[in-house]
C-alpha atoms as a PDB file:
ATOM      1  CA  MET A   1     -49.422 -34.298-254.657  1.00  0.00           C
ATOM      2  CA  THR A   2     -52.575 -34.161-257.211  1.00  0.00           C
ATOM      3  CA  THR A   3     -54.502 -31.698-258.576  1.00  0.00           C
ATOM      4  CA  THR A   4     -58.155 -31.955-258.123  1.00  0.00           C
ATOM      5  CA  THR A   5     -59.028 -32.245-262.039  1.00  0.00           C
ATOM      6  CA  TYR A   6     -56.859 -33.922-264.810  1.00  0.00           C
ATOM      7  CA  ASP A   7     -54.214 -31.237-266.424  1.00  0.00           C
ATOM      8  CA  PRO A   8     -52.164 -33.298-269.313  1.00  0.00           C
ATOM      9  CA  ASP A   9     -49.291 -30.366-268.594  1.00  0.00           C
ATOM     10  CA  VAL A  10     -47.567 -31.850-265.528  1.00  0.00           C
ATOM     11  CA  THR A  11     -44.109 -30.613-265.061  1.00  0.00           C
ATOM     12  CA  PRO A  12     -40.721 -32.589-263.362  1.00  0.00           C
ATOM     13  CA  GLY A  13     -40.999 -31.633-259.923  1.00  0.00           C
ATOM     14  CA  GLY A  14     -44.727 -30.939-259.761  1.00  0.00           C
ATOM     15  CA  PRO A  15     -48.070 -32.312-259.182  1.00  0.00           C
ATOM     16  CA  TRP A  16     -49.157 -34.727-260.714  1.00  0.00           C
ATOM     17  CA  SER A  17     -52.249 -35.332-262.128  1.00  0.00           C
ATOM     18  CA  THR A  18     -55.216 -37.383-261.853  1.00  0.00           C
ATOM     19  CA  ARG A  19     -58.260 -38.516-264.195  1.00  0.00           C
ATOM     20  CA  GLU A  20     -61.437 -40.817-263.312  1.00  0.00           C
ATOM     21  CA  LEU A  21     -62.893 -43.019-265.600  1.00  0.00           C
ATOM     22  CA  SER A  22     -65.422 -45.147-264.230  1.00  0.00           C
ATOM     23  CA  ALA A  23     -63.198 -48.464-263.594  1.00  0.00           C
ATOM     24  CA  LEU A  24     -59.823 -46.761-263.573  1.00  0.00           C
ATOM     25  CA  THR A  25     -57.921 -44.065-262.342  1.00  0.00           C
ATOM     26  CA  ILE A  26     -54.995 -42.465-264.163  1.00  0.00           C
ATOM     27  CA  ARG A  27     -52.822 -40.682-262.655  1.00  0.00           C
ATOM     28  CA  LYS A  28     -49.938 -38.870-264.432  1.00  0.00           C
ATOM     29  CA  MET A  29     -46.498 -37.457-263.327  1.00  0.00           C
ATOM     30  CA  SER A  30     -43.362 -35.953-265.047  1.00  0.00           C
ATOM     31  CA  VAL A  31     -39.407 -36.741-263.815  1.00  0.00           C
ATOM     32  CA  SER A  32     -36.274 -35.480-264.785  1.00  0.00           C
ATOM     33  CA  GLU A  33     -34.779 -33.192-266.943  1.00  0.00           C
ATOM     34  CA  MET A  34     -36.014 -35.439-269.756  1.00  0.00           C
ATOM     35  CA  HIS A  35     -39.412 -34.840-268.824  1.00  0.00           C
ATOM     36  CA  ASN A  36     -40.542 -37.972-268.616  1.00  0.00           C
ATOM     37  CA  ASN A  37     -44.212 -39.375-268.080  1.00  0.00           C
ATOM     38  CA  VAL A  38     -44.990 -42.046-265.475  1.00  0.00           C
ATOM     39  CA  TYR A  39     -48.205 -43.467-265.392  1.00  0.00           C
ATOM     40  CA  LEU A  40     -49.848 -44.986-262.469  1.00  0.00           C
ATOM     41  CA  LEU A  41     -53.155 -47.067-263.480  1.00  0.00           C
ATOM     42  CA  THR A  42     -55.294 -48.278-260.887  1.00  0.00           C
ATOM     43  CA  CYS A  43     -58.309 -50.319-260.834  1.00  0.00           C
ATOM     44  CA  ARG A  44     -61.080 -48.608-258.941  1.00  0.00           C
ATOM     45  CA  ALA A  45     -62.939 -51.758-258.199  1.00  0.00           C
ATOM     46  CA  THR A  46     -59.580 -53.960-256.381  1.00  0.00           C
ATOM     47  CA  GLY A  47     -57.036 -51.669-256.251  1.00  0.00           C
ATOM     48  CA  GLU A  48     -54.551 -53.187-258.154  1.00  0.00           C
ATOM     49  CA  GLN A  49     -52.264 -50.645-259.876  1.00  0.00           C
ATOM     50  CA  LEU A  50     -50.303 -50.728-262.876  1.00  0.00           C
ATOM     51  CA  LEU A  51     -46.939 -48.585-263.590  1.00  0.00           C
ATOM     52  CA  VAL A  52     -46.022 -47.104-266.896  1.00  0.00           C
ATOM     53  CA  ASP A  53     -42.330 -46.685-267.136  1.00  0.00           C
ATOM     54  CA  ALA A  54     -40.571 -46.543-264.002  1.00  0.00           C
ATOM     55  CA  ALA A  55     -38.337 -43.687-265.623  1.00  0.00           C
ATOM     56  CA  ASP A  56     -36.649 -42.149-262.801  1.00  0.00           C
ATOM     57  CA  GLU A  57     -37.327 -40.291-259.196  1.00  0.00           C
ATOM     58  CA  ALA A  58     -37.540 -43.741-257.524  1.00  0.00           C
ATOM     59  CA  PRO A  59     -38.927 -41.827-254.519  1.00  0.00           C
ATOM     60  CA  ARG A  60     -41.389 -39.801-256.201  1.00  0.00           C
ATOM     61  CA  ILE A  61     -42.929 -43.015-257.417  1.00  0.00           C
ATOM     62  CA  ARG A  62     -43.235 -44.119-254.808  1.00  0.00           C
ATOM     63  CA  GLU A  63     -44.885 -41.355-253.771  1.00  0.00           C
ATOM     64  CA  LEU A  64     -47.415 -41.739-256.345  1.00  0.00           C
ATOM     65  CA  VAL A  65     -47.540 -45.618-255.780  1.00  0.00           C
ATOM     66  CA  ALA A  66     -48.626 -44.506-252.476  1.00  0.00           C
ATOM     67  CA  ALA A  67     -51.085 -42.220-253.638  1.00  0.00           C
ATOM     68  CA  GLY A  68     -53.203 -45.154-254.959  1.00  0.00           C
ATOM     69  CA  GLY A  69     -53.831 -46.613-252.045  1.00  0.00           C
ATOM     70  CA  ALA A  70     -52.298 -50.142-252.872  1.00  0.00           C
ATOM     71  CA  ARG A  71     -48.978 -52.073-254.031  1.00  0.00           C
ATOM     72  CA  LEU A  72     -47.790 -52.135-256.879  1.00  0.00           C
ATOM     73  CA  GLY A  73     -48.620 -55.275-258.831  1.00  0.00           C
ATOM     74  CA  HIS A  74     -47.436 -54.604-262.437  1.00  0.00           C
ATOM     75  CA  LEU A  75     -44.718 -52.833-263.991  1.00  0.00           C
ATOM     76  CA  VAL A  76     -44.859 -51.977-268.073  1.00  0.00           C
ATOM     77  CA  THR A  77     -41.972 -50.672-269.730  1.00  0.00           C
ATOM     78  CA  THR A  78     -42.719 -49.033-273.074  1.00  0.00           C
ATOM     79  CA  HIS A  79     -39.233 -48.959-274.745  1.00  0.00           C
ATOM     80  CA  GLN A  80     -35.595 -50.315-273.689  1.00  0.00           C
ATOM     81  CA  HIS A  81     -34.214 -46.234-273.804  1.00  0.00           C
ATOM     82  CA  TRP A  82     -32.416 -45.202-271.227  1.00  0.00           C
ATOM     83  CA  ASP A  83     -34.531 -42.308-269.521  1.00  0.00           C
ATOM     84  CA  HIS A  84     -37.337 -44.487-269.462  1.00  0.00           C
ATOM     85  CA  VAL A  85     -36.133 -47.351-267.303  1.00  0.00           C
ATOM     86  CA  ARG A  86     -33.404 -45.327-264.290  1.00  0.00           C
ATOM     87  CA  ALA A  87     -36.010 -46.212-261.752  1.00  0.00           C
ATOM     88  CA  LEU A  88     -36.902 -49.739-262.996  1.00  0.00           C
ATOM     89  CA  GLU A  89     -34.302 -51.503-260.635  1.00  0.00           C
ATOM     90  CA  ASP A  90     -35.539 -49.836-257.769  1.00  0.00           C
ATOM     91  CA  ILE A  91     -38.868 -49.817-257.957  1.00  0.00           C
ATOM     92  CA  THR A  92     -38.999 -53.673-258.715  1.00  0.00           C
ATOM     93  CA  ARG A  93     -36.877 -54.335-255.857  1.00  0.00           C
ATOM     94  CA  GLU A  94     -38.929 -52.211-253.734  1.00  0.00           C
ATOM     95  CA  TYR A  95     -42.629 -53.993-254.736  1.00  0.00           C
ATOM     96  CA  SER A  96     -41.536 -56.963-256.837  1.00  0.00           C
ATOM     97  CA  PRO A  97     -44.295 -56.352-259.175  1.00  0.00           C
ATOM     98  CA  GLU A  98     -44.341 -58.823-262.633  1.00  0.00           C
ATOM     99  CA  THR A  99     -42.737 -56.864-265.167  1.00  0.00           C
ATOM    100  CA  TYR A 100     -43.749 -56.394-269.005  1.00  0.00           C
ATOM    101  CA  ALA A 101     -41.456 -54.984-272.220  1.00  0.00           C
ATOM    102  CA  GLY A 102     -41.911 -55.896-275.897  1.00  0.00           C
ATOM    103  CA  GLU A 103     -40.167 -58.589-276.671  1.00  0.00           C
ATOM    104  CA  ASP A 104     -37.503 -57.252-279.208  1.00  0.00           C
ATOM    105  CA  ASP A 105     -36.712 -54.574-276.331  1.00  0.00           C
ATOM    106  CA  ALA A 106     -36.450 -57.061-273.532  1.00  0.00           C
ATOM    107  CA  PRO A 107     -32.933 -58.040-273.500  1.00  0.00           C
ATOM    108  CA  ALA A 108     -31.432 -54.243-273.585  1.00  0.00           C
ATOM    109  CA  LEU A 109     -33.148 -53.189-270.337  1.00  0.00           C
ATOM    110  CA  PRO A 110     -31.673 -53.622-267.008  1.00  0.00           C
ATOM    111  CA  GLN A 111     -33.066 -56.314-265.718  1.00  0.00           C
ATOM    112  CA  LEU A 112     -35.595 -58.952-267.998  1.00  0.00           C
ATOM    113  CA  PRO A 113     -38.831 -58.447-267.959  1.00  0.00           C
ATOM    114  CA  ASP A 114     -41.307 -61.326-266.561  1.00  0.00           C
ATOM    115  CA  HIS A 115     -43.471 -61.206-269.368  1.00  0.00           C
ATOM    116  CA  ARG A 116     -42.145 -60.137-273.257  1.00  0.00           C
ATOM    117  CA  LEU A 117     -44.719 -58.598-275.119  1.00  0.00           C
ATOM    118  CA  ARG A 118     -46.156 -59.132-278.536  1.00  0.00           C
ATOM    119  CA  HIS A 119     -48.372 -57.852-280.708  1.00  0.00           C
ATOM    120  CA  GLY A 120     -52.120 -58.391-279.227  1.00  0.00           C
ATOM    121  CA  ASP A 121     -51.207 -59.474-276.198  1.00  0.00           C
ATOM    122  CA  ARG A 122     -53.408 -58.452-273.029  1.00  0.00           C
ATOM    123  CA  ILE A 123     -52.633 -57.483-269.325  1.00  0.00           C
ATOM    124  CA  THR A 124     -54.727 -57.934-266.854  1.00  0.00           C
ATOM    125  CA  PHE A 125     -54.832 -56.355-263.391  1.00  0.00           C
ATOM    126  CA  GLY A 126     -57.701 -56.374-261.504  1.00  0.00           C
ATOM    127  CA  ASP A 127     -61.088 -55.659-263.380  1.00  0.00           C
ATOM    128  CA  VAL A 128     -58.958 -53.520-266.209  1.00  0.00           C
ATOM    129  CA  VAL A 129     -57.548 -55.175-269.482  1.00  0.00           C
ATOM    130  CA  LEU A 130     -55.173 -53.099-271.533  1.00  0.00           C
ATOM    131  CA  ASP A 131     -54.435 -54.144-274.999  1.00  0.00           C
ATOM    132  CA  VAL A 132     -50.423 -54.365-276.211  1.00  0.00           C
ATOM    133  CA  VAL A 133     -49.772 -52.484-279.329  1.00  0.00           C
ATOM    134  CA  HIS A 134     -46.205 -53.154-281.073  1.00  0.00           C
ATOM    135  CA  LEU A 135     -44.907 -49.992-282.943  1.00  0.00           C
ATOM    136  CA  ARG A 136     -41.687 -50.834-284.503  1.00  0.00           C
ATOM    137  CA  GLY A 137     -39.447 -48.134-285.459  1.00  0.00           C
ATOM    138  CA  HIS A 138     -38.489 -45.944-282.271  1.00  0.00           C
ATOM    139  CA  THR A 139     -37.103 -49.210-280.932  1.00  0.00           C
ATOM    140  CA  PRO A 140     -37.618 -52.490-282.374  1.00  0.00           C
ATOM    141  CA  GLY A 141     -39.580 -53.769-279.174  1.00  0.00           C
ATOM    142  CA  SER A 142     -41.615 -50.150-278.142  1.00  0.00           C
ATOM    143  CA  VAL A 143     -45.202 -51.059-277.017  1.00  0.00           C
ATOM    144  CA  ALA A 144     -48.169 -49.284-276.811  1.00  0.00           C
ATOM    145  CA  LEU A 145     -51.002 -50.189-274.224  1.00  0.00           C
ATOM    146  CA  ALA A 146     -54.854 -49.464-274.808  1.00  0.00           C
ATOM    147  CA  TYR A 147     -57.807 -49.446-272.524  1.00  0.00           C
ATOM    148  CA  ASP A 148     -61.142 -49.472-273.887  1.00  0.00           C
ATOM    149  CA  ASP A 149     -63.496 -47.677-271.182  1.00  0.00           C
ATOM    150  CA  PRO A 150     -66.474 -49.514-271.361  1.00  0.00           C
ATOM    151  CA  ASP A 151     -68.038 -45.997-270.482  1.00  0.00           C
ATOM    152  CA  GLY A 152     -66.300 -43.719-272.809  1.00  0.00           C
ATOM    153  CA  HIS A 153     -63.448 -43.523-275.363  1.00  0.00           C
ATOM    154  CA  VAL A 154     -60.359 -45.815-275.727  1.00  0.00           C
ATOM    155  CA  HIS A 155     -57.194 -44.487-273.504  1.00  0.00           C
ATOM    156  CA  LEU A 156     -53.943 -44.858-275.273  1.00  0.00           C
ATOM    157  CA  PHE A 157     -50.383 -44.722-273.544  1.00  0.00           C
ATOM    158  CA  THR A 158     -47.837 -44.542-276.428  1.00  0.00           C
ATOM    159  CA  GLY A 159     -44.747 -44.452-275.267  1.00  0.00           C
ATOM    160  CA  ASP A 160     -42.072 -42.542-277.507  1.00  0.00           C
ATOM    161  CA  SER A 161     -44.166 -43.731-280.660  1.00  0.00           C
ATOM    162  CA  LEU A 162     -46.077 -41.189-280.939  1.00  0.00           C
ATOM    163  CA  PHE A 163     -46.848 -37.574-279.628  1.00  0.00           C
ATOM    164  CA  PRO A 164     -48.774 -34.482-279.810  1.00  0.00           C
ATOM    165  CA  GLY A 165     -47.324 -33.332-283.497  1.00  0.00           C
ATOM    166  CA  GLY A 166     -45.723 -36.329-284.616  1.00  0.00           C
ATOM    167  CA  VAL A 167     -44.548 -39.953-284.509  1.00  0.00           C
ATOM    168  CA  GLY A 168     -41.172 -40.604-282.122  1.00  0.00           C
ATOM    169  CA  ASN A 169     -37.126 -39.827-283.053  1.00  0.00           C
ATOM    170  CA  THR A 170     -36.382 -42.114-285.655  1.00  0.00           C
ATOM    171  CA  LYS A 171     -32.960 -40.288-286.845  1.00  0.00           C
ATOM    172  CA  ASN A 172     -30.613 -42.685-284.870  1.00  0.00           C
ATOM    173  CA  PRO A 173     -29.156 -45.670-286.377  1.00  0.00           C
ATOM    174  CA  GLY A 174     -31.291 -48.917-285.939  1.00  0.00           C
ATOM    175  CA  GLN A 175     -34.485 -46.703-286.309  1.00  0.00           C
ATOM    176  CA  SER A 176     -36.410 -46.389-288.850  1.00  0.00           C
ATOM    177  CA  PHE A 177     -39.539 -43.678-289.584  1.00  0.00           C
ATOM    178  CA  ASP A 178     -40.891 -45.555-292.565  1.00  0.00           C
ATOM    179  CA  SER A 179     -41.545 -48.650-289.899  1.00  0.00           C
ATOM    180  CA  LEU A 180     -42.933 -46.445-287.411  1.00  0.00           C
ATOM    181  CA  ILE A 181     -45.194 -44.426-289.570  1.00  0.00           C
ATOM    182  CA  ALA A 182     -46.694 -47.810-291.022  1.00  0.00           C
ATOM    183  CA  ASP A 183     -47.352 -49.271-287.463  1.00  0.00           C
ATOM    184  CA  VAL A 184     -48.932 -46.188-286.100  1.00  0.00           C
ATOM    185  CA  THR A 185     -51.046 -45.783-289.429  1.00  0.00           C
ATOM    186  CA  GLN A 186     -52.151 -49.517-289.475  1.00  0.00           C
ATOM    187  CA  ARG A 187     -51.948 -49.969-285.774  1.00  0.00           C
ATOM    188  CA  VAL A 188     -53.433 -47.147-284.316  1.00  0.00           C
ATOM    189  CA  PHE A 189     -55.298 -44.674-286.739  1.00  0.00           C
ATOM    190  CA  ASP A 190     -56.853 -47.443-288.442  1.00  0.00           C
ATOM    191  CA  VAL A 191     -57.858 -49.381-285.994  1.00  0.00           C
ATOM    192  CA  TYR A 192     -58.951 -46.602-283.046  1.00  0.00           C
ATOM    193  CA  ASP A 193     -61.749 -43.607-283.462  1.00  0.00           C
ATOM    194  CA  ASP A 194     -60.508 -40.092-283.258  1.00  0.00           C
ATOM    195  CA  ASP A 195     -61.906 -39.805-279.692  1.00  0.00           C
ATOM    196  CA  THR A 196     -59.002 -42.016-278.416  1.00  0.00           C
ATOM    197  CA  TRP A 197     -56.944 -39.734-276.447  1.00  0.00           C
ATOM    198  CA  PHE A 198     -53.542 -41.100-276.172  1.00  0.00           C
ATOM    199  CA  TYR A 199     -50.731 -40.383-273.055  1.00  0.00           C
ATOM    200  CA  PRO A 200     -46.891 -40.054-274.648  1.00  0.00           C
ATOM    201  CA  GLY A 201     -43.853 -40.666-272.735  1.00  0.00           C
ATOM    202  CA  HIS A 202     -42.734 -37.060-272.571  1.00  0.00           C
ATOM    203  CA  GLY A 203     -44.973 -34.079-272.804  1.00  0.00           C
ATOM    204  CA  SER A 204     -48.749 -33.319-273.086  1.00  0.00           C
ATOM    205  CA  ASP A 205     -51.473 -35.515-274.527  1.00  0.00           C
ATOM    206  CA  SER A 206     -53.778 -35.518-277.838  1.00  0.00           C
ATOM    207  CA  THR A 207     -56.379 -37.096-279.456  1.00  0.00           C
ATOM    208  CA  LEU A 208     -56.103 -39.699-282.564  1.00  0.00           C
ATOM    209  CA  GLY A 209     -59.152 -36.868-284.095  1.00  0.00           C
ATOM    210  CA  ALA A 210     -56.650 -34.005-283.497  1.00  0.00           C
ATOM    211  CA  GLU A 211     -53.655 -35.795-285.371  1.00  0.00           C
ATOM    212  CA  ARG A 212     -55.280 -37.578-288.111  1.00  0.00           C
ATOM    213  CA  PRO A 213     -55.065 -34.434-290.371  1.00  0.00           C
ATOM    214  CA  HIS A 214     -51.921 -34.470-290.491  1.00  0.00           C
ATOM    215  CA  LEU A 215     -50.537 -37.982-291.384  1.00  0.00           C
ATOM    216  CA  GLN A 216     -49.538 -37.509-294.958  1.00  0.00           C
ATOM    217  CA  GLU A 217     -48.165 -33.877-293.573  1.00  0.00           C
ATOM    218  CA  TRP A 218     -45.433 -35.970-291.093  1.00  0.00           C
ATOM    219  CA  ARG A 219     -45.186 -38.653-294.245  1.00  0.00           C
ATOM    220  CA  GLU A 220     -43.932 -36.199-296.308  1.00  0.00           C
ATOM    221  CA  ARG A 221     -41.264 -34.353-294.154  1.00  0.00           C
ATOM    222  CA  GLY A 222     -39.952 -37.635-293.206  1.00  0.00           C
ATOM    223  CA  TRP A 223     -40.752 -36.990-289.185  1.00  0.00           C
END
């Protein structure tokens, strides 16, 4: 199912939401008890498709892919955590897409990606180009994906590195708040404009303009 207008507040088991840009269609769906977001990006000119995070519920992801009207050619895993990869093997087996993940997270995935991403890399599918932003701290190899809409603003898929209200969790061993807040500041807020719309790995969306006034508050509280 799909809603007729884009609603960022999707729920597990509920309909996905669709956002139509001039050259790209974005579909957002929530899966599992963890409320993971799965994003399907479809190039409107060619029909080529890219999935962001095969988190869980492979049958529902197949329905999402079918809604795009084409096979799945590309699959990006934003980071290594288990709740973002539970359907990775099933979806890869089903569609044989080119797979991508951050270089430093790749060895921890259920299967090695075809492409190991570094900061500044680009992913192209159809006429769509995504810039890779490496954000260290939630995991060593977390990546965000930036799409610069030629007829609008930037759309940024941030995984678990940036949410409305703060950066991702850094309380567990091997994580670093100092690293994550530095990268989010220097590689996101210092690069992209306030009208940049970002799509996180769980929950609702936001804009950089809505979050920017709170950066110092985040630094002071340490999360």
